[in-house]
Amino acid sequence: MGFDLFWSSLGPLLLGAIQGTIPLALSSFILGLILALLVAMLRISRNKVANGVGQFYVSVIRGTPLLVQLFVIFYGLPAIGVKLDPWPSAIIAFSLNVGGYAAEVIRAAILSVPAGQWEAGHMIGMSRSQTLLCIILPQAARVSVPPLSNTFISLVKDTSLASLILVTEMFRVAQQVAAFSQEFMLLYLEAALIYWVICLALSTAQSQLEKRLDRYVAH
């Protein structure tokens, strides 16, 4: 019976991953990267106020649990009249979380680019923003790929927390099937197996990407 349940539940769980887990992770990661880039700009700004705002944001995000952030947005905001559906709540929470962690990755990558690159841009008549966009960021992007890839892999696993606010992703499907069949151990292990396979595939892709980019990074 356990073997039959495993195979019969595999389809719904995979569908939950395709329709829920992966889109949730991708959309949150993309929005989080945009936010992270903006925060990283604040963190390297010479303006003390802008730098302080960026530092405060990063401190709050990194200093509080993701689950608390998720609950504040979904369960807390209605107390002040802001009510969001589960999906937008999850995307906002995950994007804010990614933004806080990825901002430090991007900031460190930008600072790792030799100062001479800034001077080279200035010498050929580029403004600071042009130098950043055309010279600094492309080099920083290559350096930041490994840690940002790890952030995305962690995010894929963290999407399981969205089940706590009723988002129908893979783990939520596993909970529903387990509640119906009362085979909690089997279904949760099956969900864990699928998460592991997804993360293994992402880790393999990350390794291949790092090898291709490694030739362009100065050692």
N, C-alpha and C. Protein backbone atom coordinates (compact mmCIF):
# COMPACT_ATOMS: atom_id res chain seq x y z
N MET A 1 0.83 -1.20 0.00
CA MET A 1 0.00 0.00 0.00
C MET A 1 0.86 1.26 0.00
N GLY A 2 1.99 1.23 0.75
CA GLY A 2 2.88 2.37 0.79
C GLY A 2 3.50 2.63 -0.57
N PHE A 3 3.86 1.55 -1.29
CA PHE A 3 4.45 1.69 -2.62
C PHE A 3 3.44 2.29 -3.59
N ASP A 4 2.21 1.81 -3.53
CA ASP A 4 1.16 2.34 -4.40
C ASP A 4 0.88 3.81 -4.10
N LEU A 5 0.86 4.16 -2.82
CA LEU A 5 0.61 5.55 -2.43
C LEU A 5 1.74 6.45 -2.91
N PHE A 6 2.96 5.94 -2.82
CA PHE A 6 4.12 6.71 -3.27
C PHE A 6 3.97 7.10 -4.73
N TRP A 7 3.64 6.13 -5.56
CA TRP A 7 3.53 6.40 -6.99
C TRP A 7 2.29 7.21 -7.34
N SER A 8 1.19 6.97 -6.64
CA SER A 8 -0.04 7.72 -6.94
C SER A 8 0.07 9.18 -6.49
N SER A 9 0.86 9.44 -5.47
CA SER A 9 1.02 10.82 -4.98
C SER A 9 2.17 11.56 -5.66
N LEU A 10 2.99 10.82 -6.41
CA LEU A 10 4.14 11.45 -7.05
C LEU A 10 3.70 12.51 -8.06
N GLY A 11 2.68 12.20 -8.84
CA GLY A 11 2.18 13.15 -9.84
C GLY A 11 1.70 14.45 -9.22
N PRO A 12 0.80 14.39 -8.23
CA PRO A 12 0.35 15.63 -7.59
C PRO A 12 1.48 16.44 -6.95
N LEU A 13 2.45 15.75 -6.35
CA LEU A 13 3.56 16.47 -5.74
C LEU A 13 4.44 17.16 -6.79
N LEU A 14 4.71 16.46 -7.88
CA LEU A 14 5.49 17.06 -8.95
C LEU A 14 4.74 18.25 -9.57
N LEU A 15 3.43 18.10 -9.70
CA LEU A 15 2.62 19.19 -10.23
C LEU A 15 2.67 20.39 -9.28
N GLY A 16 2.65 20.10 -7.98
CA GLY A 16 2.77 21.18 -7.00
C GLY A 16 4.11 21.88 -7.10
N ALA A 17 5.16 21.11 -7.42
CA ALA A 17 6.49 21.71 -7.58
C ALA A 17 6.55 22.57 -8.83
N ILE A 18 5.95 22.07 -9.92
CA ILE A 18 6.00 22.78 -11.20
C ILE A 18 5.13 24.04 -11.18
N GLN A 19 3.95 23.92 -10.59
CA GLN A 19 3.01 25.03 -10.58
C GLN A 19 3.16 25.96 -9.38
N GLY A 20 3.77 25.47 -8.32
CA GLY A 20 3.87 26.25 -7.10
C GLY A 20 5.29 26.58 -6.67
N THR A 21 6.05 25.56 -6.33
CA THR A 21 7.38 25.77 -5.75
C THR A 21 8.32 26.53 -6.68
N ILE A 22 8.47 26.05 -7.90
CA ILE A 22 9.43 26.64 -8.83
C ILE A 22 9.02 28.06 -9.25
N PRO A 23 7.77 28.30 -9.65
CA PRO A 23 7.38 29.69 -9.98
C PRO A 23 7.52 30.64 -8.79
N LEU A 24 7.19 30.16 -7.60
CA LEU A 24 7.31 30.99 -6.41
C LEU A 24 8.76 31.36 -6.15
N ALA A 25 9.65 30.37 -6.29
CA ALA A 25 11.07 30.62 -6.07
C ALA A 25 11.64 31.55 -7.13
N LEU A 26 11.30 31.32 -8.39
CA LEU A 26 11.84 32.13 -9.48
C LEU A 26 11.38 33.58 -9.38
N SER A 27 10.08 33.78 -9.21
CA SER A 27 9.56 35.15 -9.15
C SER A 27 10.12 35.90 -7.95
N SER A 28 10.20 35.22 -6.81
CA SER A 28 10.74 35.86 -5.61
C SER A 28 12.22 36.19 -5.77
N PHE A 29 12.95 35.30 -6.42
CA PHE A 29 14.39 35.51 -6.60
C PHE A 29 14.65 36.68 -7.54
N ILE A 30 13.90 36.76 -8.63
CA ILE A 30 14.10 37.85 -9.58
C ILE A 30 13.80 39.20 -8.93
N LEU A 31 12.65 39.29 -8.25
CA LEU A 31 12.30 40.52 -7.56
C LEU A 31 13.30 40.83 -6.44
N GLY A 32 13.74 39.78 -5.75
CA GLY A 32 14.73 39.96 -4.69
C GLY A 32 16.05 40.48 -5.22
N LEU A 33 16.47 40.02 -6.40
CA LEU A 33 17.72 40.50 -6.99
C LEU A 33 17.64 41.98 -7.35
N ILE A 34 16.49 42.38 -7.90
CA ILE A 34 16.31 43.80 -8.23
C ILE A 34 16.41 44.64 -6.97
N LEU A 35 15.73 44.19 -5.93
CA LEU A 35 15.78 44.90 -4.66
C LEU A 35 17.19 44.89 -4.09
N ALA A 36 17.87 43.75 -4.20
CA ALA A 36 19.23 43.61 -3.67
C ALA A 36 20.19 44.57 -4.35
N LEU A 37 20.03 44.74 -5.67
CA LEU A 37 20.91 45.67 -6.39
C LEU A 37 20.70 47.10 -5.90
N LEU A 38 19.45 47.47 -5.69
CA LEU A 38 19.16 48.82 -5.19
C LEU A 38 19.74 49.02 -3.79
N VAL A 39 19.57 48.01 -2.94
CA VAL A 39 20.09 48.12 -1.57
C VAL A 39 21.63 48.14 -1.58
N ALA A 40 22.23 47.35 -2.47
CA ALA A 40 23.69 47.34 -2.57
C ALA A 40 24.21 48.71 -2.97
N MET A 41 23.47 49.39 -3.86
CA MET A 41 23.86 50.75 -4.26
C MET A 41 23.81 51.70 -3.06
N LEU A 42 22.80 51.51 -2.22
CA LEU A 42 22.72 52.32 -1.01
C LEU A 42 23.90 52.02 -0.08
N ARG A 43 24.26 50.73 0.00
CA ARG A 43 25.32 50.34 0.93
C ARG A 43 26.69 50.85 0.53
N ILE A 44 26.90 51.08 -0.79
CA ILE A 44 28.21 51.58 -1.22
C ILE A 44 28.16 53.08 -1.48
N SER A 45 27.00 53.69 -1.23
CA SER A 45 26.86 55.12 -1.45
C SER A 45 27.71 55.92 -0.46
N ARG A 46 28.18 57.06 -0.92
CA ARG A 46 28.96 57.94 -0.05
C ARG A 46 28.04 58.79 0.83
N ASN A 47 26.75 58.76 0.51
CA ASN A 47 25.77 59.48 1.31
C ASN A 47 25.48 58.69 2.59
N LYS A 48 25.70 59.30 3.73
CA LYS A 48 25.56 58.60 5.00
C LYS A 48 24.12 58.17 5.27
N VAL A 49 23.15 58.99 4.85
CA VAL A 49 21.74 58.64 5.06
C VAL A 49 21.37 57.43 4.22
N ALA A 50 21.73 57.46 2.94
CA ALA A 50 21.43 56.33 2.06
C ALA A 50 22.11 55.06 2.55
N ASN A 51 23.37 55.19 2.96
CA ASN A 51 24.10 54.04 3.48
C ASN A 51 23.44 53.49 4.73
N GLY A 52 22.97 54.40 5.60
CA GLY A 52 22.32 53.97 6.83
C GLY A 52 21.01 53.26 6.57
N VAL A 53 20.25 53.74 5.57
CA VAL A 53 18.99 53.09 5.22
C VAL A 53 19.24 51.67 4.72
N GLY A 54 20.23 51.53 3.85
CA GLY A 54 20.58 50.20 3.34
C GLY A 54 21.06 49.27 4.44
N GLN A 55 21.88 49.79 5.33
CA GLN A 55 22.40 48.98 6.43
C GLN A 55 21.29 48.56 7.37
N PHE A 56 20.34 49.45 7.62
CA PHE A 56 19.21 49.13 8.50
C PHE A 56 18.35 48.02 7.90
N TYR A 57 18.07 48.13 6.62
CA TYR A 57 17.26 47.11 5.94
C TYR A 57 17.92 45.74 6.02
N VAL A 58 19.20 45.70 5.69
CA VAL A 58 19.93 44.43 5.73
C VAL A 58 19.94 43.86 7.14
N SER A 59 20.12 44.71 8.13
CA SER A 59 20.16 44.26 9.52
C SER A 59 18.83 43.66 9.95
N VAL A 60 17.73 44.31 9.57
CA VAL A 60 16.41 43.80 9.95
C VAL A 60 16.13 42.45 9.29
N ILE A 61 16.41 42.35 8.00
CA ILE A 61 16.12 41.12 7.27
C ILE A 61 16.99 39.96 7.77
N ARG A 62 18.27 40.22 7.95
CA ARG A 62 19.18 39.16 8.37
C ARG A 62 19.06 38.84 9.85
N GLY A 63 18.46 39.76 10.60
CA GLY A 63 18.37 39.56 12.05
C GLY A 63 17.04 38.98 12.51
N THR A 64 16.13 38.72 11.57
CA THR A 64 14.82 38.15 11.94
C THR A 64 14.56 36.89 11.11
N PRO A 65 13.87 35.90 11.67
CA PRO A 65 13.60 34.66 10.94
C PRO A 65 12.67 34.89 9.76
N LEU A 66 12.88 34.14 8.69
CA LEU A 66 12.02 34.24 7.51
C LEU A 66 10.57 33.92 7.85
N LEU A 67 10.36 32.96 8.72
CA LEU A 67 9.00 32.59 9.10
C LEU A 67 8.28 33.76 9.77
N VAL A 68 9.00 34.49 10.61
CA VAL A 68 8.41 35.66 11.26
C VAL A 68 8.05 36.72 10.22
N GLN A 69 8.95 36.95 9.27
CA GLN A 69 8.68 37.92 8.21
C GLN A 69 7.44 37.52 7.42
N LEU A 70 7.32 36.24 7.12
CA LEU A 70 6.17 35.74 6.37
C LEU A 70 4.87 35.94 7.15
N PHE A 71 4.90 35.66 8.44
CA PHE A 71 3.71 35.81 9.27
C PHE A 71 3.33 37.28 9.48
N VAL A 72 4.34 38.14 9.59
CA VAL A 72 4.06 39.57 9.76
C VAL A 72 3.30 40.10 8.55
N ILE A 73 3.73 39.68 7.35
CA ILE A 73 3.09 40.18 6.13
C ILE A 73 1.69 39.59 5.96
N PHE A 74 1.54 38.28 6.20
CA PHE A 74 0.24 37.65 5.92
C PHE A 74 -0.76 37.83 7.06
N TYR A 75 -0.29 37.64 8.31
CA TYR A 75 -1.19 37.72 9.46
C TYR A 75 -1.15 39.06 10.17
N GLY A 76 -0.02 39.76 10.05
CA GLY A 76 0.13 41.02 10.78
C GLY A 76 -0.44 42.23 10.08
N LEU A 77 -0.20 42.34 8.77
CA LEU A 77 -0.66 43.52 8.03
C LEU A 77 -2.17 43.73 8.07
N PRO A 78 -2.99 42.66 8.08
CA PRO A 78 -4.44 42.91 8.19
C PRO A 78 -4.83 43.72 9.42
N ALA A 79 -4.01 43.69 10.47
CA ALA A 79 -4.30 44.45 11.68
C ALA A 79 -4.26 45.95 11.43
N ILE A 80 -3.54 46.36 10.38
CA ILE A 80 -3.48 47.80 10.05
C ILE A 80 -4.23 48.07 8.74
N GLY A 81 -5.08 47.13 8.36
CA GLY A 81 -5.95 47.34 7.20
C GLY A 81 -5.38 46.92 5.87
N VAL A 82 -4.25 46.21 5.86
CA VAL A 82 -3.65 45.74 4.61
C VAL A 82 -3.78 44.22 4.55
N LYS A 83 -4.66 43.75 3.71
CA LYS A 83 -4.90 42.31 3.61
C LYS A 83 -4.45 41.81 2.24
N LEU A 84 -3.54 40.84 2.25
CA LEU A 84 -3.00 40.28 1.02
C LEU A 84 -3.34 38.80 0.92
N ASP A 85 -3.50 38.33 -0.31
CA ASP A 85 -3.73 36.91 -0.54
C ASP A 85 -2.45 36.13 -0.25
N PRO A 86 -2.55 34.82 -0.09
CA PRO A 86 -1.37 34.02 0.23
C PRO A 86 -0.21 34.16 -0.75
N TRP A 87 -0.50 34.07 -2.06
CA TRP A 87 0.58 34.14 -3.04
C TRP A 87 1.34 35.46 -2.99
N PRO A 88 0.67 36.61 -3.09
CA PRO A 88 1.42 37.87 -2.99
C PRO A 88 2.17 38.01 -1.68
N SER A 89 1.58 37.53 -0.60
CA SER A 89 2.26 37.61 0.71
C SER A 89 3.55 36.83 0.69
N ALA A 90 3.50 35.63 0.12
CA ALA A 90 4.69 34.78 0.06
C ALA A 90 5.76 35.41 -0.83
N ILE A 91 5.36 35.94 -1.98
CA ILE A 91 6.32 36.54 -2.90
C ILE A 91 6.98 37.76 -2.26
N ILE A 92 6.19 38.58 -1.60
CA ILE A 92 6.74 39.78 -0.94
C ILE A 92 7.74 39.37 0.15
N ALA A 93 7.34 38.42 0.99
CA ALA A 93 8.21 37.99 2.09
C ALA A 93 9.51 37.39 1.57
N PHE A 94 9.42 36.50 0.60
CA PHE A 94 10.62 35.86 0.07
C PHE A 94 11.50 36.86 -0.69
N SER A 95 10.87 37.78 -1.41
CA SER A 95 11.65 38.78 -2.15
C SER A 95 12.40 39.69 -1.20
N LEU A 96 11.74 40.13 -0.14
CA LEU A 96 12.40 40.98 0.85
C LEU A 96 13.55 40.24 1.51
N ASN A 97 13.35 38.96 1.78
CA ASN A 97 14.39 38.16 2.42
C ASN A 97 15.59 37.98 1.50
N VAL A 98 15.32 37.63 0.25
CA VAL A 98 16.40 37.49 -0.73
C VAL A 98 17.13 38.82 -0.89
N GLY A 99 16.37 39.91 -0.92
CA GLY A 99 16.99 41.22 -1.09
C GLY A 99 17.98 41.54 0.00
N GLY A 100 17.66 41.16 1.24
CA GLY A 100 18.55 41.44 2.35
C GLY A 100 19.85 40.67 2.28
N TYR A 101 19.77 39.40 1.90
CA TYR A 101 20.97 38.57 1.84
C TYR A 101 21.77 38.81 0.56
N ALA A 102 21.06 38.91 -0.58
CA ALA A 102 21.75 39.09 -1.85
C ALA A 102 22.40 40.46 -1.95
N ALA A 103 21.85 41.46 -1.23
CA ALA A 103 22.45 42.80 -1.26
C ALA A 103 23.89 42.77 -0.77
N GLU A 104 24.15 42.00 0.27
CA GLU A 104 25.50 41.92 0.80
C GLU A 104 26.42 41.16 -0.16
N VAL A 105 25.86 40.18 -0.86
CA VAL A 105 26.65 39.45 -1.86
C VAL A 105 27.06 40.38 -2.98
N ILE A 106 26.09 41.15 -3.49
CA ILE A 106 26.36 42.07 -4.60
C ILE A 106 27.31 43.17 -4.15
N ARG A 107 27.10 43.69 -2.95
CA ARG A 107 28.00 44.74 -2.44
C ARG A 107 29.44 44.24 -2.36
N ALA A 108 29.61 43.03 -1.81
CA ALA A 108 30.96 42.47 -1.70
C ALA A 108 31.57 42.23 -3.08
N ALA A 109 30.74 41.80 -4.04
CA ALA A 109 31.24 41.56 -5.39
C ALA A 109 31.68 42.86 -6.04
N ILE A 110 30.92 43.93 -5.84
CA ILE A 110 31.29 45.23 -6.41
C ILE A 110 32.59 45.72 -5.79
N LEU A 111 32.71 45.57 -4.48
CA LEU A 111 33.93 46.03 -3.79
C LEU A 111 35.15 45.19 -4.14
N SER A 112 34.90 43.97 -4.64
CA SER A 112 36.03 43.11 -5.01
C SER A 112 36.67 43.52 -6.34
N VAL A 113 35.96 44.32 -7.12
CA VAL A 113 36.52 44.80 -8.40
C VAL A 113 37.61 45.82 -8.09
N PRO A 114 38.80 45.67 -8.66
CA PRO A 114 39.91 46.59 -8.35
C PRO A 114 39.53 48.05 -8.58
N ALA A 115 40.03 48.91 -7.70
CA ALA A 115 39.73 50.33 -7.79
C ALA A 115 40.20 50.93 -9.11
N GLY A 116 41.18 50.31 -9.71
CA GLY A 116 41.69 50.80 -10.98
C GLY A 116 40.65 50.78 -12.09
N GLN A 117 39.65 49.91 -11.95
CA GLN A 117 38.59 49.84 -12.95
C GLN A 117 37.74 51.11 -12.91
N TRP A 118 37.51 51.63 -11.70
CA TRP A 118 36.79 52.90 -11.58
C TRP A 118 37.60 54.02 -12.22
N GLU A 119 38.90 54.02 -11.97
CA GLU A 119 39.76 55.05 -12.52
C GLU A 119 39.82 54.96 -14.03
N ALA A 120 39.82 53.73 -14.57
CA ALA A 120 39.86 53.55 -16.02
C ALA A 120 38.61 54.14 -16.67
N GLY A 121 37.46 53.91 -16.03
CA GLY A 121 36.22 54.48 -16.56
C GLY A 121 36.24 56.00 -16.53
N HIS A 122 36.79 56.54 -15.46
CA HIS A 122 36.88 58.00 -15.34
C HIS A 122 37.82 58.58 -16.40
N MET A 123 38.90 57.85 -16.68
CA MET A 123 39.90 58.34 -17.64
C MET A 123 39.34 58.42 -19.06
N ILE A 124 38.40 57.55 -19.40
CA ILE A 124 37.85 57.57 -20.75
C ILE A 124 36.57 58.41 -20.83
N GLY A 125 36.31 59.17 -19.78
CA GLY A 125 35.22 60.12 -19.81
C GLY A 125 33.88 59.61 -19.32
N MET A 126 33.85 58.43 -18.70
CA MET A 126 32.59 57.89 -18.19
C MET A 126 32.24 58.52 -16.85
N SER A 127 30.94 58.70 -16.63
CA SER A 127 30.49 59.14 -15.31
C SER A 127 30.56 57.95 -14.36
N ARG A 128 30.34 58.22 -13.07
CA ARG A 128 30.39 57.15 -12.08
C ARG A 128 29.31 56.10 -12.36
N SER A 129 28.12 56.55 -12.72
CA SER A 129 27.03 55.61 -13.00
C SER A 129 27.31 54.80 -14.26
N GLN A 130 27.89 55.42 -15.27
CA GLN A 130 28.24 54.69 -16.50
C GLN A 130 29.33 53.66 -16.22
N THR A 131 30.30 54.04 -15.42
CA THR A 131 31.37 53.10 -15.07
C THR A 131 30.81 51.92 -14.30
N LEU A 132 29.90 52.20 -13.39
CA LEU A 132 29.28 51.13 -12.60
C LEU A 132 28.52 50.17 -13.50
N LEU A 133 27.73 50.73 -14.42
CA LEU A 133 26.87 49.91 -15.27
C LEU A 133 27.65 49.13 -16.32
N CYS A 134 28.62 49.77 -16.94
CA CYS A 134 29.31 49.16 -18.08
C CYS A 134 30.58 48.38 -17.72
N ILE A 135 31.22 48.75 -16.62
CA ILE A 135 32.51 48.13 -16.29
C ILE A 135 32.45 47.32 -15.00
N ILE A 136 31.91 47.91 -13.94
CA ILE A 136 31.98 47.28 -12.63
C ILE A 136 30.99 46.13 -12.49
N LEU A 137 29.72 46.39 -12.81
CA LEU A 137 28.69 45.36 -12.60
C LEU A 137 28.93 44.08 -13.41
N PRO A 138 29.37 44.16 -14.68
CA PRO A 138 29.64 42.90 -15.40
C PRO A 138 30.70 42.04 -14.71
N GLN A 139 31.74 42.69 -14.17
CA GLN A 139 32.77 41.93 -13.47
C GLN A 139 32.26 41.40 -12.13
N ALA A 140 31.49 42.23 -11.45
CA ALA A 140 30.93 41.80 -10.16
C ALA A 140 29.95 40.66 -10.34
N ALA A 141 29.23 40.65 -11.46
CA ALA A 141 28.24 39.59 -11.71
C ALA A 141 28.91 38.23 -11.76
N ARG A 142 30.08 38.17 -12.38
CA ARG A 142 30.78 36.88 -12.48
C ARG A 142 31.21 36.37 -11.11
N VAL A 143 31.63 37.31 -10.25
CA VAL A 143 32.08 36.93 -8.91
C VAL A 143 30.91 36.50 -8.03
N SER A 144 29.75 37.12 -8.25
CA SER A 144 28.60 36.88 -7.37
C SER A 144 27.77 35.66 -7.75
N VAL A 145 28.06 35.03 -8.88
CA VAL A 145 27.26 33.88 -9.33
C VAL A 145 27.22 32.75 -8.30
N PRO A 146 28.36 32.29 -7.77
CA PRO A 146 28.30 31.17 -6.81
C PRO A 146 27.45 31.45 -5.57
N PRO A 147 27.69 32.57 -4.85
CA PRO A 147 26.86 32.80 -3.66
C PRO A 147 25.39 33.07 -3.99
N LEU A 148 25.11 33.73 -5.12
CA LEU A 148 23.72 33.98 -5.48
C LEU A 148 23.03 32.68 -5.87
N SER A 149 23.77 31.77 -6.49
CA SER A 149 23.20 30.46 -6.82
C SER A 149 22.85 29.70 -5.55
N ASN A 150 23.69 29.79 -4.55
CA ASN A 150 23.40 29.15 -3.26
C ASN A 150 22.17 29.78 -2.61
N THR A 151 22.02 31.09 -2.77
CA THR A 151 20.85 31.77 -2.23
C THR A 151 19.58 31.26 -2.89
N PHE A 152 19.62 31.04 -4.21
CA PHE A 152 18.46 30.53 -4.92
C PHE A 152 18.11 29.11 -4.49
N ILE A 153 19.13 28.27 -4.31
CA ILE A 153 18.90 26.90 -3.88
C ILE A 153 18.26 26.88 -2.49
N SER A 154 18.74 27.74 -1.61
CA SER A 154 18.14 27.84 -0.28
C SER A 154 16.70 28.33 -0.36
N LEU A 155 16.44 29.25 -1.29
CA LEU A 155 15.10 29.78 -1.45
C LEU A 155 14.13 28.69 -1.89
N VAL A 156 14.57 27.82 -2.77
CA VAL A 156 13.71 26.71 -3.23
C VAL A 156 13.24 25.89 -2.04
N LYS A 157 14.15 25.61 -1.12
CA LYS A 157 13.77 24.85 0.08
C LYS A 157 12.89 25.68 1.01
N ASP A 158 13.19 26.96 1.11
CA ASP A 158 12.42 27.83 2.01
C ASP A 158 10.98 28.03 1.56
N THR A 159 10.69 27.80 0.28
CA THR A 159 9.31 27.97 -0.19
C THR A 159 8.34 27.04 0.52
N SER A 160 8.85 25.99 1.14
CA SER A 160 7.98 25.08 1.89
C SER A 160 7.28 25.82 3.03
N LEU A 161 7.88 26.91 3.51
CA LEU A 161 7.26 27.69 4.58
C LEU A 161 5.96 28.34 4.12
N ALA A 162 5.81 28.53 2.81
CA ALA A 162 4.60 29.15 2.28
C ALA A 162 3.37 28.30 2.54
N SER A 163 3.57 27.02 2.79
CA SER A 163 2.44 26.14 3.11
C SER A 163 1.74 26.58 4.39
N LEU A 164 2.48 27.28 5.26
CA LEU A 164 1.91 27.72 6.53
C LEU A 164 0.94 28.89 6.37
N ILE A 165 0.97 29.53 5.19
CA ILE A 165 -0.02 30.57 4.92
C ILE A 165 -0.93 30.14 3.76
N LEU A 166 -1.04 28.83 3.58
CA LEU A 166 -2.01 28.22 2.66
C LEU A 166 -1.68 28.39 1.18
N VAL A 167 -0.41 28.62 0.85
CA VAL A 167 0.00 28.65 -0.55
C VAL A 167 0.10 27.21 -1.04
N THR A 168 -0.53 26.92 -2.17
CA THR A 168 -0.54 25.55 -2.67
C THR A 168 0.73 25.28 -3.47
N GLU A 169 1.81 25.01 -2.78
CA GLU A 169 3.04 24.56 -3.42
C GLU A 169 3.24 23.09 -3.07
N MET A 170 4.40 22.54 -3.37
CA MET A 170 4.58 21.10 -3.26
C MET A 170 4.36 20.57 -1.85
N PHE A 171 4.93 21.24 -0.86
CA PHE A 171 4.80 20.73 0.50
C PHE A 171 3.38 20.82 1.01
N ARG A 172 2.66 21.83 0.56
CA ARG A 172 1.24 21.95 0.92
C ARG A 172 0.45 20.77 0.34
N VAL A 173 0.78 20.38 -0.89
CA VAL A 173 0.14 19.21 -1.51
C VAL A 173 0.48 17.95 -0.70
N ALA A 174 1.73 17.83 -0.28
CA ALA A 174 2.13 16.67 0.53
C ALA A 174 1.35 16.63 1.84
N GLN A 175 1.14 17.78 2.45
CA GLN A 175 0.35 17.84 3.69
C GLN A 175 -1.09 17.40 3.45
N GLN A 176 -1.66 17.82 2.35
CA GLN A 176 -3.05 17.47 2.05
C GLN A 176 -3.20 15.98 1.80
N VAL A 177 -2.28 15.41 1.03
CA VAL A 177 -2.33 13.97 0.76
C VAL A 177 -2.08 13.18 2.03
N ALA A 178 -1.13 13.64 2.84
CA ALA A 178 -0.83 12.94 4.09
C ALA A 178 -2.02 12.99 5.05
N ALA A 179 -2.71 14.11 5.10
CA ALA A 179 -3.88 14.23 5.98
C ALA A 179 -4.99 13.28 5.56
N PHE A 180 -5.11 13.06 4.27
CA PHE A 180 -6.15 12.17 3.75
C PHE A 180 -5.79 10.70 3.95
N SER A 181 -4.51 10.38 3.71
CA SER A 181 -4.07 8.97 3.78
C SER A 181 -3.55 8.57 5.15
N GLN A 182 -3.22 9.56 5.99
CA GLN A 182 -2.62 9.33 7.32
C GLN A 182 -1.23 8.71 7.22
N GLU A 183 -0.61 8.77 6.05
CA GLU A 183 0.75 8.27 5.87
C GLU A 183 1.72 9.46 5.87
N PHE A 184 1.89 10.06 7.03
CA PHE A 184 2.66 11.29 7.12
C PHE A 184 4.14 11.07 6.82
N MET A 185 4.73 10.03 7.39
CA MET A 185 6.14 9.77 7.17
C MET A 185 6.45 9.56 5.70
N LEU A 186 5.65 8.75 5.03
CA LEU A 186 5.88 8.45 3.62
C LEU A 186 5.79 9.70 2.76
N LEU A 187 4.75 10.49 2.96
CA LEU A 187 4.54 11.68 2.12
C LEU A 187 5.60 12.74 2.38
N TYR A 188 5.99 12.92 3.63
CA TYR A 188 7.00 13.94 3.93
C TYR A 188 8.38 13.52 3.41
N LEU A 189 8.67 12.22 3.48
CA LEU A 189 9.93 11.74 2.91
C LEU A 189 9.92 11.86 1.39
N GLU A 190 8.75 11.63 0.79
CA GLU A 190 8.64 11.79 -0.67
C GLU A 190 8.86 13.24 -1.07
N ALA A 191 8.28 14.16 -0.31
CA ALA A 191 8.49 15.58 -0.58
C ALA A 191 9.96 15.94 -0.41
N ALA A 192 10.59 15.41 0.63
CA ALA A 192 12.01 15.67 0.87
C ALA A 192 12.86 15.16 -0.29
N LEU A 193 12.48 14.00 -0.83
CA LEU A 193 13.21 13.42 -1.96
C LEU A 193 13.12 14.33 -3.18
N ILE A 194 11.94 14.87 -3.43
CA ILE A 194 11.76 15.75 -4.59
C ILE A 194 12.56 17.04 -4.40
N TYR A 195 12.52 17.61 -3.19
CA TYR A 195 13.33 18.80 -2.92
C TYR A 195 14.81 18.51 -3.17
N TRP A 196 15.25 17.35 -2.71
CA TRP A 196 16.65 16.97 -2.87
C TRP A 196 17.03 16.85 -4.34
N VAL A 197 16.18 16.24 -5.15
CA VAL A 197 16.45 16.08 -6.58
C VAL A 197 16.51 17.44 -7.26
N ILE A 198 15.57 18.32 -6.93
CA ILE A 198 15.56 19.66 -7.52
C ILE A 198 16.85 20.41 -7.16
N CYS A 199 17.22 20.37 -5.89
CA CYS A 199 18.42 21.08 -5.44
C CYS A 199 19.69 20.46 -6.02
N LEU A 200 19.67 19.14 -6.20
CA LEU A 200 20.82 18.47 -6.81
C LEU A 200 20.98 18.92 -8.26
N ALA A 201 19.86 19.04 -8.97
CA ALA A 201 19.92 19.52 -10.36
C ALA A 201 20.41 20.96 -10.42
N LEU A 202 19.94 21.80 -9.50
CA LEU A 202 20.38 23.19 -9.46
C LEU A 202 21.86 23.29 -9.10
N SER A 203 22.33 22.44 -8.19
CA SER A 203 23.75 22.45 -7.81
C SER A 203 24.63 22.04 -8.98
N THR A 204 24.16 21.07 -9.75
CA THR A 204 24.90 20.64 -10.94
C THR A 204 24.98 21.76 -11.96
N ALA A 205 23.85 22.43 -12.19
CA ALA A 205 23.83 23.57 -13.12
C ALA A 205 24.74 24.69 -12.63
N GLN A 206 24.75 24.91 -11.31
CA GLN A 206 25.62 25.93 -10.73
C GLN A 206 27.08 25.61 -10.99
N SER A 207 27.46 24.36 -10.79
CA SER A 207 28.84 23.95 -11.00
C SER A 207 29.28 24.17 -12.44
N GLN A 208 28.41 23.83 -13.37
CA GLN A 208 28.73 24.01 -14.78
C GLN A 208 28.87 25.50 -15.13
N LEU A 209 27.98 26.31 -14.57
CA LEU A 209 28.05 27.75 -14.83
C LEU A 209 29.31 28.35 -14.24
N GLU A 210 29.69 27.90 -13.06
CA GLU A 210 30.91 28.41 -12.43
C GLU A 210 32.13 28.07 -13.26
N LYS A 211 32.16 26.86 -13.83
CA LYS A 211 33.30 26.46 -14.65
C LYS A 211 33.41 27.33 -15.90
N ARG A 212 32.27 27.67 -16.48
CA ARG A 212 32.29 28.50 -17.69
C ARG A 212 32.72 29.94 -17.38
N LEU A 213 32.31 30.43 -16.21
CA LEU A 213 32.64 31.81 -15.85
C LEU A 213 34.03 31.95 -15.22
N ASP A 214 34.54 30.84 -14.71
CA ASP A 214 35.81 30.90 -13.97
C ASP A 214 36.96 31.41 -14.83
N ARG A 215 36.88 31.15 -16.13
CA ARG A 215 37.97 31.56 -17.01
C ARG A 215 38.04 33.07 -17.16
N TYR A 216 36.92 33.76 -16.81
CA TYR A 216 36.88 35.20 -16.97
C TYR A 216 37.21 35.93 -15.67
N VAL A 217 37.38 35.20 -14.59
CA VAL A 217 37.64 35.82 -13.29
C VAL A 217 39.13 35.79 -13.02
N ALA A 218 39.68 36.92 -12.72
CA ALA A 218 41.12 37.00 -12.44
C ALA A 218 41.41 36.36 -11.10
N HIS A 219 42.52 35.62 -11.02
CA HIS A 219 42.91 34.95 -9.78
C HIS A 219 44.22 35.56 -9.27
